Amino acid sequence: SNDVDPKIAKRFIDHTFMLKLLDLFDSEDPRERDYLKTILHRIYGKFMPLRSFIRKAIQNLFFKIIYESDTHNGIAELLEILGSIINGFALPVKEEHQVMLEKSLIPLHKVR
């Protein structure tokens, strides 16, 4: 919210915090996942240095879903966030972003 000072929050929002936040997306409560989606989207927008880490962490979570477990409760919300992120990509799309699309998003559509 506007009550949070980004300079103060920056001390607490780090890689460990982001990984724990992403773990919470596996919640069975859709309201919790929706609120987490809002929080993650706002963090992504306000904390530029964390953007690359957030994209890679989401990609690693997708890898885990693809290759280790077949289910995850928050995959729809994570895909919504990633959709917003992808819409913000500059053209031409960077190689890093193309690799993410090829290696993690396309395999999510595998036939079971």
C-alpha atoms as a PDB file:
ATOM      1  CA  SER A   1       0.000   0.000   0.000  1.00  0.00           C
ATOM      2  CA  ASN A   2       1.021   3.637  -0.037  1.00  0.00           C
ATOM      3  CA  ASP A   3       1.683   3.417   3.696  1.00  0.00           C
ATOM      4  CA  VAL A   4       4.779   1.296   3.100  1.00  0.00           C
ATOM      5  CA  ASP A   5       7.996   3.230   2.542  1.00  0.00           C
ATOM      6  CA  PRO A   6       9.979   1.373  -0.163  1.00  0.00           C
ATOM      7  CA  LYS A   7      13.281   2.512   1.345  1.00  0.00           C
ATOM      8  CA  ILE A   8      12.445   0.848   4.656  1.00  0.00           C
ATOM      9  CA  ALA A   9      10.828  -2.216   3.059  1.00  0.00           C
ATOM     10  CA  LYS A  10      13.951  -2.712   0.923  1.00  0.00           C
ATOM     11  CA  ARG A  11      15.825  -3.895   4.027  1.00  0.00           C
ATOM     12  CA  PHE A  12      13.339  -6.714   4.571  1.00  0.00           C
ATOM     13  CA  ILE A  13      12.358  -7.720   1.044  1.00  0.00           C
ATOM     14  CA  ASP A  14      15.275  -9.807  -0.163  1.00  0.00           C
ATOM     15  CA  HIS A  15      15.824 -13.084  -2.027  1.00  0.00           C
ATOM     16  CA  THR A  16      14.905 -15.213   0.983  1.00  0.00           C
ATOM     17  CA  PHE A  17      11.683 -13.266   1.502  1.00  0.00           C
ATOM     18  CA  MET A  18      10.782 -13.649  -2.178  1.00  0.00           C
ATOM     19  CA  LEU A  19      11.347 -17.422  -2.145  1.00  0.00           C
ATOM     20  CA  LYS A  20       9.145 -17.789   0.921  1.00  0.00           C
ATOM     21  CA  LEU A  21       6.483 -15.606  -0.695  1.00  0.00           C
ATOM     22  CA  LEU A  22       6.492 -17.777  -3.816  1.00  0.00           C
ATOM     23  CA  ASP A  23       6.168 -20.913  -1.668  1.00  0.00           C
ATOM     24  CA  LEU A  24       2.932 -19.512  -0.246  1.00  0.00           C
ATOM     25  CA  PHE A  25       1.322 -19.666  -3.709  1.00  0.00           C
ATOM     26  CA  ASP A  26       0.708 -23.384  -3.167  1.00  0.00           C
ATOM     27  CA  SER A  27      -2.072 -22.488  -0.726  1.00  0.00           C
ATOM     28  CA  GLU A  28      -5.466 -24.120  -1.200  1.00  0.00           C
ATOM     29  CA  ASP A  29      -7.269 -20.838  -0.436  1.00  0.00           C
ATOM     30  CA  PRO A  30      -7.899 -18.888  -3.675  1.00  0.00           C
ATOM     31  CA  ARG A  31      -8.332 -15.619  -1.740  1.00  0.00           C
ATOM     32  CA  GLU A  32      -4.865 -16.001  -0.245  1.00  0.00           C
ATOM     33  CA  ARG A  33      -3.354 -16.729  -3.663  1.00  0.00           C
ATOM     34  CA  ASP A  34      -5.108 -13.694  -5.141  1.00  0.00           C
ATOM     35  CA  TYR A  35      -3.746 -11.453  -2.388  1.00  0.00           C
ATOM     36  CA  LEU A  36      -0.255 -12.945  -2.852  1.00  0.00           C
ATOM     37  CA  LYS A  37      -0.547 -12.200  -6.566  1.00  0.00           C
ATOM     38  CA  THR A  38      -1.243  -8.539  -5.783  1.00  0.00           C
ATOM     39  CA  ILE A  39       1.657  -8.365  -3.339  1.00  0.00           C
ATOM     40  CA  LEU A  40       4.103 -10.004  -5.752  1.00  0.00           C
ATOM     41  CA  HIS A  41       3.010  -7.747  -8.597  1.00  0.00           C
ATOM     42  CA  ARG A  42       3.541  -4.631  -6.471  1.00  0.00           C
ATOM     43  CA  ILE A  43       6.951  -5.825  -5.285  1.00  0.00           C
ATOM     44  CA  TYR A  44       7.932  -6.515  -8.894  1.00  0.00           C
ATOM     45  CA  GLY A  45       6.872  -2.997  -9.848  1.00  0.00           C
ATOM     46  CA  LYS A  46       8.568  -1.167  -6.985  1.00  0.00           C
ATOM     47  CA  PHE A  47      11.810  -3.100  -6.512  1.00  0.00           C
ATOM     48  CA  MET A  48      13.661  -3.034  -9.835  1.00  0.00           C
ATOM     49  CA  PRO A  49      16.782  -4.866  -8.576  1.00  0.00           C
ATOM     50  CA  LEU A  50      14.636  -7.894  -7.635  1.00  0.00           C
ATOM     51  CA  ARG A  51      12.952  -8.258 -11.033  1.00  0.00           C
ATOM     52  CA  SER A  52      15.460 -10.650 -12.559  1.00  0.00           C
ATOM     53  CA  PHE A  53      15.503 -12.761  -9.390  1.00  0.00           C
ATOM     54  CA  ILE A  54      11.693 -12.908  -9.291  1.00  0.00           C
ATOM     55  CA  ARG A  55      11.512 -14.066 -12.922  1.00  0.00           C
ATOM     56  CA  LYS A  56      14.167 -16.736 -12.292  1.00  0.00           C
ATOM     57  CA  ALA A  57      12.463 -17.883  -9.078  1.00  0.00           C
ATOM     58  CA  ILE A  58       9.133 -18.255 -10.900  1.00  0.00           C
ATOM     59  CA  GLN A  59      10.928 -20.135 -13.672  1.00  0.00           C
ATOM     60  CA  ASN A  60      12.519 -22.481 -11.106  1.00  0.00           C
ATOM     61  CA  LEU A  61       9.108 -23.055  -9.551  1.00  0.00           C
ATOM     62  CA  PHE A  62       7.754 -23.976 -12.988  1.00  0.00           C
ATOM     63  CA  PHE A  63      10.680 -26.393 -13.468  1.00  0.00           C
ATOM     64  CA  LYS A  64       9.813 -27.997 -10.145  1.00  0.00           C
ATOM     65  CA  ILE A  65       6.180 -28.366 -11.245  1.00  0.00           C
ATOM     66  CA  ILE A  66       7.156 -29.749 -14.663  1.00  0.00           C
ATOM     67  CA  TYR A  67       9.819 -32.230 -13.599  1.00  0.00           C
ATOM     68  CA  GLU A  68       9.129 -33.116  -9.955  1.00  0.00           C
ATOM     69  CA  SER A  69       5.459 -32.697  -9.087  1.00  0.00           C
ATOM     70  CA  ASP A  70       2.439 -32.506 -11.344  1.00  0.00           C
ATOM     71  CA  THR A  71       0.310 -30.239  -9.199  1.00  0.00           C
ATOM     72  CA  HIS A  72       0.572 -26.784  -7.731  1.00  0.00           C
ATOM     73  CA  ASN A  73      -2.372 -24.761  -6.463  1.00  0.00           C
ATOM     74  CA  GLY A  74      -1.024 -21.360  -7.497  1.00  0.00           C
ATOM     75  CA  ILE A  75       0.082 -21.986 -11.054  1.00  0.00           C
ATOM     76  CA  ALA A  76      -2.789 -19.944 -12.541  1.00  0.00           C
ATOM     77  CA  GLU A  77      -1.920 -16.919 -10.412  1.00  0.00           C
ATOM     78  CA  LEU A  78       1.777 -17.218 -11.243  1.00  0.00           C
ATOM     79  CA  LEU A  79       0.924 -17.401 -14.939  1.00  0.00           C
ATOM     80  CA  GLU A  80      -1.218 -14.267 -14.587  1.00  0.00           C
ATOM     81  CA  ILE A  81       1.712 -12.418 -13.004  1.00  0.00           C
ATOM     82  CA  LEU A  82       4.062 -13.695 -15.673  1.00  0.00           C
ATOM     83  CA  GLY A  83       1.591 -12.519 -18.313  1.00  0.00           C
ATOM     84  CA  SER A  84       1.799  -8.989 -16.918  1.00  0.00           C
ATOM     85  CA  ILE A  85       5.579  -9.205 -16.787  1.00  0.00           C
ATOM     86  CA  ILE A  86       5.802 -10.461 -20.375  1.00  0.00           C
ATOM     87  CA  ASN A  87       3.530  -7.635 -21.567  1.00  0.00           C
ATOM     88  CA  GLY A  88       6.114  -5.227 -20.149  1.00  0.00           C
ATOM     89  CA  PHE A  89       9.061  -6.757 -22.018  1.00  0.00           C
ATOM     90  CA  ALA A  90      10.783  -4.388 -24.421  1.00  0.00           C
ATOM     91  CA  LEU A  91      11.096  -5.316 -28.074  1.00  0.00           C
ATOM     92  CA  PRO A  92      13.086  -7.039 -29.363  1.00  0.00           C
ATOM     93  CA  VAL A  93      12.713  -9.661 -26.631  1.00  0.00           C
ATOM     94  CA  LYS A  94      15.989 -10.441 -24.877  1.00  0.00           C
ATOM     95  CA  GLU A  95      17.557 -13.878 -25.247  1.00  0.00           C
ATOM     96  CA  GLU A  96      17.100 -14.488 -21.490  1.00  0.00           C
ATOM     97  CA  HIS A  97      13.352 -13.953 -21.816  1.00  0.00           C
ATOM     98  CA  GLN A  98      13.077 -16.173 -24.893  1.00  0.00           C
ATOM     99  CA  VAL A  99      14.884 -18.987 -23.066  1.00  0.00           C
ATOM    100  CA  MET A 100      12.480 -18.643 -20.133  1.00  0.00           C
ATOM    101  CA  LEU A 101       9.508 -18.935 -22.485  1.00  0.00           C
ATOM    102  CA  GLU A 102      10.935 -21.964 -24.287  1.00  0.00           C
ATOM    103  CA  LYS A 103      12.261 -23.859 -21.275  1.00  0.00           C
ATOM    104  CA  SER A 104       9.585 -23.261 -18.662  1.00  0.00           C
ATOM    105  CA  LEU A 105       6.314 -22.047 -20.188  1.00  0.00           C
ATOM    106  CA  ILE A 106       6.020 -24.329 -23.200  1.00  0.00           C
ATOM    107  CA  PRO A 107       6.700 -27.544 -21.176  1.00  0.00           C
ATOM    108  CA  LEU A 108       3.849 -26.589 -18.812  1.00  0.00           C
ATOM    109  CA  HIS A 109       1.526 -27.517 -21.691  1.00  0.00           C
ATOM    110  CA  LYS A 110       2.660 -31.133 -21.887  1.00  0.00           C
ATOM    111  CA  VAL A 111       0.088 -33.884 -22.285  1.00  0.00           C
ATOM    112  CA  ARG A 112      -0.288 -36.107 -19.214  1.00  0.00           C
END
